[in-house]
Protein backbone atom coordinates (compact mmCIF):
# COMPACT_ATOMS: atom_id res chain seq x y z
CA MET A 1 0.06 -0.06 0.07
CA SER A 2 1.38 3.31 -0.97
CA ASP A 3 1.74 6.24 1.45
CA ASP A 4 -1.18 8.10 -0.36
CA GLN A 5 -3.35 5.00 0.11
CA LYS A 6 -2.30 4.69 3.73
CA ARG A 7 -3.25 8.37 4.43
CA MET A 8 -6.69 7.83 2.88
CA PHE A 9 -7.13 4.62 4.87
CA LEU A 10 -6.33 6.34 8.06
CA ALA A 11 -8.57 9.43 7.13
CA VAL A 12 -11.66 7.27 6.38
CA VAL A 13 -11.08 5.24 9.79
CA LEU A 14 -10.51 8.43 11.73
CA SER A 15 -13.61 10.11 10.32
CA GLY A 16 -15.68 7.22 11.41
CA LEU A 17 -14.09 7.24 14.88
CA VAL A 18 -14.81 10.90 15.20
CA LEU A 19 -18.35 10.60 14.08
CA PHE A 20 -19.41 7.71 16.24
CA GLY A 21 -16.90 8.10 19.16
CA TRP A 22 -17.35 11.75 20.01
CA GLN A 23 -20.49 11.37 22.16
CA THR A 24 -18.80 8.34 24.08
CA TYR A 25 -15.08 9.08 24.48
CA PHE A 26 -14.46 12.75 23.59
CA ALA A 27 -17.50 14.60 25.24
CA PRO A 28 -16.74 15.41 28.87
CA LYS A 29 -18.78 13.03 31.05
CA GLN A 30 -21.67 13.99 33.26
CA LYS A 31 -21.95 12.45 36.64
CA PRO A 32 -25.45 10.95 37.25
CA ILE A 33 -27.54 12.22 40.04
CA ILE A 34 -30.88 11.52 41.72
CA GLU A 35 -33.35 13.97 40.30
CA GLN A 36 -35.70 13.83 43.27
CA ASN A 37 -33.28 15.54 45.52
CA ALA A 38 -32.23 18.21 43.05
CA SER A 39 -32.96 21.20 45.19
CA GLU A 40 -31.06 19.91 48.20
CA GLN A 41 -28.12 19.12 46.09
CA ILE A 42 -28.20 22.73 44.60
CA ASN A 43 -28.48 24.28 47.88
CA ALA A 44 -25.68 22.09 49.56
CA LYS A 45 -23.09 22.78 46.66
CA ALA A 46 -24.07 26.36 46.53
CA ALA A 47 -23.54 26.91 50.38
CA ALA A 48 -20.14 25.28 50.10
CA LYS A 49 -18.96 27.50 47.35
CA THR A 50 -20.67 30.92 48.09
CA GLN A 51 -17.61 32.61 49.67
CA GLU A 52 -15.17 31.41 47.05
CA THR A 53 -17.29 32.24 43.92
CA THR A 54 -18.20 35.69 45.31
CA VAL A 55 -14.81 36.80 46.24
CA LYS A 56 -12.86 35.34 43.39
CA GLN A 57 -15.18 34.88 40.46
CA GLU A 58 -16.99 38.04 40.27
CA VAL A 59 -16.45 41.82 40.52
CA VAL A 60 -20.10 42.77 41.47
CA LYS A 61 -21.12 40.88 44.57
CA PRO A 62 -24.58 39.30 44.27
CA VAL A 63 -26.70 39.86 47.45
CA THR A 64 -30.15 38.84 47.91
CA GLU A 65 -32.07 41.27 50.05
CA SER A 66 -35.14 40.34 52.13
CA VAL A 67 -38.18 41.43 50.13
CA SER A 68 -40.26 44.10 51.67
CA SER A 69 -43.40 41.91 51.89
CA GLU A 70 -44.65 38.43 51.51
CA VAL A 71 -43.84 36.80 48.05
CA LYS A 72 -46.99 35.79 46.30
CA SER A 73 -47.48 33.66 43.32
CA PHE A 74 -49.71 34.41 40.26
CA THR A 75 -50.65 31.97 37.56
CA LEU A 76 -51.21 32.87 33.90
CA THR A 77 -53.16 30.51 31.68
CA ASN A 78 -54.10 30.30 28.09
CA ASN A 79 -55.03 27.60 25.63
CA GLY A 80 -54.03 24.78 28.29
CA HIS A 81 -50.61 26.42 28.96
CA SER A 82 -49.79 27.81 32.41
CA VAL A 83 -47.00 29.56 34.23
CA LYS A 84 -46.65 30.43 37.86
CA ILE A 85 -44.78 33.71 38.45
CA ASN A 86 -43.81 35.00 41.70
CA SER A 87 -43.99 38.69 42.82
CA ASP A 88 -40.12 38.75 43.30
CA LEU A 89 -39.88 38.12 39.45
CA SER A 90 -39.07 34.38 39.83
CA ILE A 91 -40.79 31.41 38.00
CA GLN A 92 -41.40 28.02 39.80
CA ASP A 93 -43.64 26.28 37.38
CA PHE A 94 -44.51 26.14 33.80
CA SER A 95 -46.93 23.67 32.04
CA ASN A 96 -47.09 23.01 28.18
CA PRO A 97 -49.82 20.52 27.15
CA GLY A 98 -47.62 19.59 24.11
CA ALA A 99 -44.49 18.74 26.20
CA SER A 100 -43.37 15.16 26.75
CA PHE A 101 -41.72 15.78 30.10
CA ASP A 102 -42.76 18.24 32.70
CA PHE A 103 -41.05 21.53 33.67
CA PHE A 104 -39.18 20.01 36.66
CA ALA A 105 -37.78 17.12 34.45
CA THR A 106 -36.28 19.72 32.14
CA THR A 107 -35.00 22.13 34.73
CA GLY A 108 -34.04 19.92 37.65
CA VAL A 109 -35.04 22.37 40.34
CA GLU A 110 -38.26 23.79 41.70
CA LYS A 111 -37.32 27.35 41.23
CA PRO A 112 -35.04 27.60 38.15
CA PHE A 113 -35.36 31.29 37.07
CA LYS A 114 -35.31 34.86 38.41
CA ILE A 115 -34.53 38.33 37.51
CA GLU A 116 -32.21 40.49 39.79
CA ILE A 117 -31.97 44.14 39.77
CA GLY A 118 -28.73 45.98 40.34
CA ASN A 119 -29.07 48.58 43.02
CA GLU A 120 -26.06 50.33 44.72
CA ALA A 121 -23.39 47.94 43.20
CA ARG A 122 -25.40 44.93 44.47
CA PHE A 123 -27.93 42.53 42.71
CA SER A 124 -31.05 41.69 44.61
CA SER A 125 -34.37 40.17 44.24
CA PHE A 126 -37.08 42.87 44.87
CA ASN A 127 -40.90 42.36 45.60
CA PHE A 128 -43.62 43.68 43.45
CA THR A 129 -47.24 44.38 44.11
CA PHE A 130 -49.06 42.61 41.32
CA ASN A 131 -52.62 42.83 40.04
CA GLN A 132 -54.17 40.09 38.01
CA VAL A 133 -55.71 41.85 35.07
CA SER A 134 -57.06 38.63 33.28
CA PRO A 135 -56.35 34.88 33.46
CA SER A 136 -53.46 35.55 30.86
CA HIS A 137 -52.30 39.00 32.03
CA ILE A 138 -50.66 40.36 35.23
CA GLN A 139 -49.20 43.71 36.10
CA GLY A 140 -46.84 44.75 38.99
CA SER A 141 -45.09 47.63 40.39
CA ASN A 142 -42.48 48.46 42.98
CA VAL A 143 -42.62 52.00 44.43
CA LYS A 144 -39.32 52.12 45.79
CA LEU A 145 -37.59 51.25 42.36
CA ALA A 146 -40.30 53.34 40.48
CA MET A 147 -40.52 50.25 38.20
CA ASN A 148 -43.24 48.57 36.48
CA VAL A 149 -43.68 45.09 35.10
CA ASP A 150 -45.93 43.34 32.81
CA PHE A 151 -46.51 39.59 31.99
CA LYS A 152 -48.90 38.35 29.28
CA MET A 153 -49.24 34.71 27.93
CA ASP A 154 -50.56 34.18 24.31
CA ASP A 155 -52.17 31.01 22.96
CA LEU A 156 -48.93 29.34 22.09
CA GLY A 157 -47.78 29.52 25.66
CA LYS A 158 -45.31 32.42 25.13
CA VAL A 159 -45.09 34.81 27.92
CA THR A 160 -44.17 38.30 26.92
CA TYR A 161 -42.63 40.56 29.56
CA LYS A 162 -41.78 44.14 29.88
CA VAL A 163 -39.88 46.04 32.63
CA THR A 164 -39.96 49.65 32.60
CA SER A 165 -38.55 52.42 35.11
CA ALA A 166 -37.87 56.03 35.25
CA LYS A 167 -34.32 55.32 36.47
CA ALA A 168 -31.91 53.11 34.50
CA TYR A 169 -30.88 49.93 36.14
CA GLN A 170 -28.61 47.04 35.57
CA PHE A 171 -30.45 43.68 35.38
CA ARG A 172 -29.25 39.98 35.76
CA VAL A 173 -31.06 36.78 34.67
CA VAL A 174 -30.20 33.83 36.74
CA PHE A 175 -30.91 30.20 35.76
CA THR A 176 -30.37 27.42 38.31
CA SER A 177 -30.30 23.67 37.38
CA THR A 178 -28.66 20.31 38.13
CA GLU A 179 -26.36 18.00 36.24
CA ARG A 180 -28.23 15.20 34.29
CA GLU A 181 -27.36 12.78 31.47
CA GLU A 182 -29.83 10.48 29.91
CA GLU A 183 -29.00 7.08 28.42
CA ASN A 184 -29.43 8.56 24.91
CA ARG A 185 -26.47 10.97 25.56
CA GLN A 186 -28.76 13.89 26.11
CA ILE A 187 -27.11 16.21 28.73
CA ARG A 188 -28.51 19.18 30.59
CA GLN A 189 -26.96 22.31 29.54
CA PHE A 190 -27.35 26.11 29.46
CA SER A 191 -27.72 27.14 25.89
CA TYR A 192 -27.57 30.75 24.42
CA TYR A 193 -27.48 32.50 21.07
CA THR A 194 -25.33 35.29 19.99
CA GLN A 195 -24.17 35.08 16.39
CA SER A 196 -24.35 31.29 16.76
CA LEU A 197 -25.47 28.57 19.09
CA ASN A 198 -23.36 28.11 22.17
CA HIS A 199 -23.57 25.64 25.27
CA MET A 200 -22.21 25.43 28.75
CA LYS A 201 -22.89 22.14 30.54
CA VAL A 202 -24.71 22.35 33.87
CA GLY A 203 -22.09 21.94 36.65
CA ASP A 204 -19.19 23.35 34.71
CA SER A 205 -17.43 26.61 35.72
CA ASP A 206 -17.27 28.75 32.62
CA ASP A 207 -17.84 32.34 31.31
CA ASP A 208 -18.42 34.15 28.13
CA ASP A 209 -19.86 37.48 26.91
CA GLY A 210 -21.45 38.97 23.80
CA LYS A 211 -24.78 40.26 22.51
CA MET A 212 -27.32 37.79 23.77
CA ARG A 213 -30.53 37.00 21.70
CA TRP A 214 -31.80 34.32 24.18
CA LEU A 215 -30.70 32.13 27.11
CA ALA A 216 -32.09 28.73 28.10
CA ILE A 217 -31.83 25.47 30.03
CA ASP A 218 -31.76 22.93 27.25
CA PHE A 219 -32.37 19.15 28.00
CA ASN A 220 -33.77 16.08 26.45
CA PHE A 221 -35.59 17.76 23.49
CA HIS A 222 -37.00 20.51 25.77
CA LEU A 223 -36.21 24.08 26.16
CA PHE A 224 -36.87 26.72 28.93
CA ALA A 225 -35.80 30.11 27.57
CA ILE A 226 -35.78 33.77 27.84
CA THR A 227 -35.48 35.97 24.85
CA PHE A 228 -34.80 39.70 24.45
CA LYS A 229 -36.70 41.90 22.00
CA GLU A 230 -33.28 43.51 21.09
CA PRO A 231 -29.93 41.71 21.49
CA VAL A 232 -28.35 42.71 24.82
CA ALA A 233 -24.65 42.90 25.74
CA ALA A 234 -24.11 40.72 28.68
CA ARG A 235 -21.56 38.75 30.65
CA LEU A 236 -22.21 35.10 31.22
CA LYS A 237 -20.90 33.05 34.15
CA ALA A 238 -21.59 29.44 34.94
CA PHE A 239 -20.88 27.90 38.32
CA GLU A 240 -20.26 24.36 39.50
CA SER A 241 -23.29 24.80 41.78
CA GLY A 242 -25.44 24.73 38.71
CA GLU A 243 -26.16 28.45 38.65
CA PHE A 244 -25.95 30.42 35.28
CA ARG A 245 -25.81 34.31 35.61
CA SER A 246 -26.29 36.62 32.64
CA THR A 247 -25.37 40.10 33.79
CA LEU A 248 -26.39 42.95 31.42
CA VAL A 249 -23.59 45.29 30.79
CA ASN A 250 -25.43 48.52 30.37
CA ASP A 251 -28.14 50.14 32.71
CA VAL A 252 -31.41 50.38 30.86
CA HIS A 253 -34.84 52.00 31.40
CA ASN A 254 -36.62 49.09 29.60
CA LEU A 255 -36.18 45.42 29.32
CA GLU A 256 -38.57 43.28 27.35
CA GLY A 257 -38.87 39.97 25.44
CA SER A 258 -40.52 36.53 26.03
CA ILE A 259 -40.33 33.48 28.18
CA VAL A 260 -41.22 30.04 26.88
CA PHE A 261 -41.15 26.38 27.88
CA SER A 262 -41.47 24.06 24.85
CA LYS A 263 -40.71 20.88 23.22
CA LYS A 264 -37.97 21.48 20.69
CA ASN A 265 -40.07 21.10 17.62
CA TYR A 266 -38.57 22.95 14.82
CA ASP A 267 -41.81 24.43 13.38
CA LEU A 268 -43.18 25.39 16.69
CA LEU A 269 -39.93 27.19 17.68
CA ALA A 270 -40.02 29.00 14.50
CA LYS A 271 -43.61 30.19 15.07
CA LEU A 272 -42.26 31.41 18.67
CA GLY A 273 -39.65 33.36 16.85
CA ASP A 274 -36.62 34.99 18.29
CA LYS A 275 -34.49 32.40 16.47
CA LEU A 276 -35.42 29.87 19.04
CA ASP A 277 -35.65 27.25 16.19
CA LEU A 278 -31.71 27.55 16.12
CA SER A 279 -31.62 25.76 19.59
CA ILE A 280 -31.87 22.64 17.51
CA ASP A 281 -28.30 21.87 16.72
CA PHE A 282 -28.18 20.54 13.21
CA GLY A 283 -24.32 21.14 12.99
CA PHE A 284 -22.25 22.20 10.05
CA PHE A 285 -24.58 20.73 7.45
CA GLY A 286 -27.82 22.30 8.83
CA ILE A 287 -28.57 23.41 5.41
CA ILE A 288 -29.02 19.77 4.37
CA SER A 289 -30.60 18.69 7.69
CA VAL A 290 -33.66 20.79 7.29
CA PRO A 291 -34.75 19.37 3.94
CA ILE A 292 -34.07 15.76 5.37
CA LEU A 293 -36.32 16.68 8.41
CA ARG A 294 -39.08 17.94 5.98
CA GLY A 295 -38.67 14.81 3.99
CA LEU A 296 -39.32 12.63 7.23
CA GLN A 297 -42.29 14.83 8.12
CA PHE A 298 -43.76 14.45 4.56
CA VAL A 299 -43.51 10.69 4.65
CA HIS A 300 -44.88 10.57 8.05
CA ASP A 301 -48.00 12.37 6.90
CA TYR A 302 -48.75 9.46 4.67
CA VAL A 303 -47.23 6.63 6.73
CA PRO A 304 -47.81 7.59 10.44
CA ASN A 305 -44.72 5.65 11.73
CA TYR A 306 -41.41 7.44 11.95
CA GLY A 307 -39.52 4.27 11.91
CA ILE A 308 -41.09 3.39 8.45
CA ALA A 309 -40.47 7.05 7.38
CA ILE A 310 -36.80 6.71 8.23
CA ILE A 311 -36.58 3.42 6.25
CA ILE A 312 -38.31 4.99 2.99
CA LEU A 313 -36.33 8.24 3.07
CA THR A 314 -33.03 6.31 3.45
CA ILE A 315 -33.87 4.10 0.52
CA LEU A 316 -34.92 7.07 -1.57
CA ILE A 317 -31.70 9.03 -0.85
CA ARG A 318 -29.56 5.92 -1.51
CA THR A 319 -31.37 5.36 -4.81
CA ILE A 320 -30.78 8.98 -5.93
CA MET A 321 -27.15 8.66 -5.04
CA PHE A 322 -26.85 5.29 -6.79
CA PRO A 323 -25.25 6.65 -10.15
CA LEU A 324 -22.41 8.02 -7.99
CA GLN A 325 -22.19 4.69 -6.07
CA TYR A 326 -22.32 2.69 -9.42
CA LYS A 327 -18.92 3.95 -10.47
CA SER A 328 -17.59 3.27 -7.00
CA PHE A 329 -18.86 -0.29 -7.04
CA LYS A 330 -17.42 -0.90 -10.51
CA SER A 331 -13.95 0.37 -9.22
CA MET A 332 -14.19 -2.11 -6.30
CA LYS A 333 -14.97 -5.01 -8.55
CA LYS A 334 -11.94 -4.29 -10.76
CA MET A 335 -9.81 -4.01 -7.60
CA GLN A 336 -11.08 -7.50 -6.45
CA LYS A 337 -9.92 -8.95 -9.75
CA ILE A 338 -6.29 -7.74 -9.50
CA GLN A 339 -5.91 -8.63 -5.82
CA PRO A 340 -3.82 -11.81 -6.73
CA GLN A 341 -1.65 -9.73 -9.02
CA LEU A 342 -1.02 -7.19 -6.31
CA THR A 343 -0.10 -9.96 -3.83
CA LYS A 344 2.59 -11.19 -6.17
CA ILE A 345 3.91 -7.69 -6.76
CA LYS A 346 4.24 -7.17 -3.07
CA GLU A 347 6.01 -10.50 -2.58
CA LYS A 348 8.35 -9.99 -5.58
CA PHE A 349 9.52 -6.37 -4.68
CA LYS A 350 9.26 -6.41 -0.98
CA ASP A 351 12.79 -5.23 -0.65
CA ASP A 352 12.37 -2.50 -3.28
CA PRO A 353 9.36 -0.16 -2.24
CA GLN A 354 9.88 2.24 -5.02
CA ARG A 355 9.65 -0.51 -7.62
CA MET A 356 6.76 -2.11 -5.77
CA GLN A 357 4.82 1.22 -5.91
CA LYS A 358 5.63 1.64 -9.64
CA GLU A 359 4.50 -1.86 -10.53
CA THR A 360 1.30 -1.50 -8.38
CA MET A 361 0.39 1.65 -10.09
CA GLU A 362 0.93 0.12 -13.53
CA ALA A 363 -1.30 -2.76 -12.55
CA PHE A 364 -4.10 -0.33 -11.44
CA LYS A 365 -3.70 1.41 -14.74
CA LYS A 366 -3.80 -1.70 -16.80
CA ALA A 367 -6.97 -3.10 -15.20
CA GLY A 368 -8.65 0.41 -15.17
CA ALA A 369 -8.86 0.32 -11.42
CA ASN A 370 -8.77 3.34 -9.17
CA PRO A 371 -7.65 2.59 -5.58
CA LEU A 372 -9.44 5.78 -4.44
CA GLY A 373 -12.54 5.16 -6.47
CA GLY A 374 -14.41 3.65 -3.53
CA CYS A 375 -13.43 6.44 -1.24
CA LEU A 376 -14.42 9.43 -3.24
CA PRO A 377 -18.18 8.58 -3.58
CA LEU A 378 -18.08 8.03 0.23
CA ILE A 379 -16.61 11.47 0.75
CA ALA A 380 -19.28 12.93 -1.42
CA GLN A 381 -21.88 11.30 0.68
CA MET A 382 -20.57 12.41 4.14
CA PRO A 383 -22.53 15.69 4.16
CA ILE A 384 -25.84 13.79 3.74
CA PHE A 385 -24.59 11.16 6.26
CA PHE A 386 -23.66 13.77 8.98
CA ALA A 387 -26.93 15.87 8.31
CA PHE A 388 -29.17 12.65 8.59
CA TYR A 389 -27.37 11.80 11.83
CA GLN A 390 -27.94 15.25 13.28
CA VAL A 391 -31.62 15.13 12.42
CA LEU A 392 -32.09 11.75 14.02
CA TYR A 393 -30.11 12.61 16.91
CA ASN A 394 -31.76 16.16 17.74
CA ALA A 395 -35.26 16.20 16.13
CA GLU A 396 -38.02 15.85 18.96
CA GLU A 397 -40.43 14.14 16.49
CA PHE A 398 -38.94 10.95 17.60
CA VAL A 399 -39.62 11.31 21.32
CA GLY A 400 -42.14 8.77 22.26
CA SER A 401 -42.44 7.50 18.61
CA PRO A 402 -42.74 3.71 18.44
CA PHE A 403 -41.43 1.55 15.46
CA PHE A 404 -42.54 -2.01 16.01
CA GLY A 405 -42.19 -4.62 18.72
CA TRP A 406 -39.61 -3.82 21.26
CA ILE A 407 -38.72 -0.48 19.84
CA ALA A 408 -41.33 1.79 21.82
CA ASP A 409 -39.35 4.99 21.45
CA LEU A 410 -36.99 5.94 18.46
CA SER A 411 -35.40 8.70 20.64
CA ILE A 412 -33.76 6.23 23.05
CA LYS A 413 -31.63 3.34 22.74
CA ASP A 414 -32.72 -0.12 21.54
CA PRO A 415 -33.26 -2.02 25.04
CA TYR A 416 -32.19 -5.31 23.68
CA TYR A 417 -29.46 -3.92 21.33
CA VAL A 418 -30.94 -5.79 18.31
CA LEU A 419 -30.54 -3.06 15.83
CA PRO A 420 -26.82 -2.30 16.83
CA VAL A 421 -26.04 -5.85 16.41
CA LEU A 422 -27.84 -6.01 13.02
CA MET A 423 -26.03 -2.95 12.03
CA ALA A 424 -22.68 -4.27 12.86
CA LEU A 425 -23.49 -7.67 10.88
CA ALA A 426 -24.48 -5.54 7.89
CA MET A 427 -21.24 -3.51 8.00
CA ALA A 428 -19.31 -6.62 8.37
CA LEU A 429 -20.91 -8.04 5.14
CA GLN A 430 -20.22 -4.69 3.41
CA THR A 431 -16.47 -4.82 4.56
CA ARG A 432 -16.06 -8.45 3.00
CA LEU A 433 -17.53 -7.08 -0.27
CA ASN A 434 -15.01 -4.30 -0.36
CA PRO A 435 -11.59 -5.19 -1.79
CA SER A 436 -8.44 -4.17 0.08
CA PRO A 437 -5.51 -2.87 -2.04
CA SER A 438 -3.18 -4.59 0.38
CA ALA A 439 -2.65 -8.06 1.45
CA ASP A 440 -1.49 -7.12 4.90
CA PRO A 441 -3.07 -9.37 7.34
CA THR A 442 -3.06 -6.58 10.16
CA GLN A 443 -4.99 -4.09 8.02
CA LYS A 444 -7.36 -6.73 7.03
CA LYS A 445 -8.14 -7.53 10.70
CA ILE A 446 -8.59 -3.87 11.38
CA MET A 447 -11.05 -3.59 8.86
CA MET A 448 -13.02 -6.53 10.00
CA LEU A 449 -12.82 -5.02 13.46
CA MET A 450 -14.42 -1.82 12.53
CA PRO A 451 -18.05 -2.92 12.40
CA ILE A 452 -17.64 -4.25 15.90
CA VAL A 453 -16.25 -0.86 17.03
CA PHE A 454 -19.00 0.93 15.32
CA GLY A 455 -21.71 -1.28 16.85
CA PHE A 456 -20.23 -0.73 20.44
CA PHE A 457 -20.27 3.11 19.73
CA MET A 458 -23.84 3.06 18.49
CA LYS A 459 -25.26 0.62 21.15
CA ASP A 460 -26.54 3.43 23.48
CA LEU A 461 -27.44 5.93 20.88
CA PRO A 462 -31.05 6.48 19.62
CA ALA A 463 -32.86 3.49 18.04
CA GLY A 464 -33.84 5.68 15.13
CA LEU A 465 -30.23 6.58 14.37
CA ASN A 466 -29.22 2.69 14.44
CA LEU A 467 -32.28 2.04 12.23
CA TYR A 468 -31.05 4.55 9.56
CA ILE A 469 -27.53 3.20 9.48
CA PHE A 470 -28.75 -0.51 9.36
CA THR A 471 -31.25 0.36 6.53
CA SER A 472 -28.60 2.38 4.49
CA THR A 473 -26.05 -0.31 4.94
CA ILE A 474 -27.98 -3.17 3.99
CA TYR A 475 -29.67 -1.43 1.09
CA GLY A 476 -26.06 -0.37 -0.09
CA VAL A 477 -24.86 -4.05 0.10
CA GLY A 478 -27.85 -4.81 -2.27
CA GLN A 479 -26.74 -2.21 -4.62
CA GLN A 480 -23.22 -3.45 -4.48
CA LEU A 481 -24.13 -7.09 -5.24
CA LEU A 482 -26.21 -5.97 -8.13
CA VAL A 483 -23.42 -4.01 -9.78
CA TYR A 484 -20.95 -6.90 -9.11
CA LYS A 485 -23.27 -9.23 -10.94
CA LEU A 486 -23.79 -6.81 -13.94
CA THR A 487 -20.08 -6.28 -14.25
CA ASP A 488 -18.93 -9.99 -14.23
């Protein structure tokens, strides 16, 4: 095998390892916790770190003053949605009839959000006197601050807020959550959008700054977010205790935007506006991911089973790509035919690498075989592969969507690992069909080991993703066998 061929071989192997191994071996691990005791854990960790984080990690010291009167709760309702807002500008509950999980399961704590106000170089929670204007509308005021607030819920469950005051104040938005990782590798994180989507894992100590469009707790296909009508310059700080502070840089007279709790449905988030649909991380090939998502939705309209929709769309894409694959398969067949000749050349010129390479290239040329012919179509298909991967890993449409039999939810792993095993077997069959330009037994063993490695990486990933790769692989094997038969 020439140096160029070796480099190509390593590139393909490493690409596969990066794609399937990132979630398992490269992403920072989250420690599992017991969700029922989330509030106690937050309080214990926060108490242990209060002095250190206050002195060392921030110039402006956060202080929570005792509110001037009893904190009261007010509930907004509209079209089945409801939110409980406290008079100290905190939120303790949010109900969305379309959500798959409740508010606590998403946020991890009973009181995950509050707005603090900067006054005399300190940030504090202030109590407001509220008036329930209607079931979906409350207004409040604080005489001391000369400040008014207004909350209103629309029929989509979006709560618009508006804070106005005669004096300019500095504001701070505070989220609190707990560490959590699901079996499907979904981790609880703080997300925020500036010029692009960014994340901080809950429980990490991190900081950032920029003009914020929205901030959120993002977990398991659900989003609890606050948006700003206009992007605001802010400094972000995340603490190991699970607190996430966004401190606005400038003093302002007005602060307005919206607060939402929603399943991360692409179309719904687009309706809610403020670029919340970009919280769905389709990755670098997002421009391809959206059409793939639309394709799955279209098929699902006629065949109400997302598992079948995955199979149909996968077959359709593989069929469209077949002309490109046809050339690849023909090149592979020619490579198979000259394998004995390549073995003889390697044995004959094993002590003369330059002569070996020359004779090998002449053999390729004479047979009309291209050693890279099988790789180039694969590289051309990689954007579609990555885009399909991101859709199946991030789209909420698969939450709670069954396939058949033991697959009750395509968004979580196959409980009996049947699909990962079938996928690994299909990949092993495909590997046997693909010729190797080298007779090196070590390289052959590595190639045969790769399906097992991929199967191990994929065993805990969503069943829908395993179904896609299995379908794509087994259909590709059928195409390959057909081309081999036609070119014999």
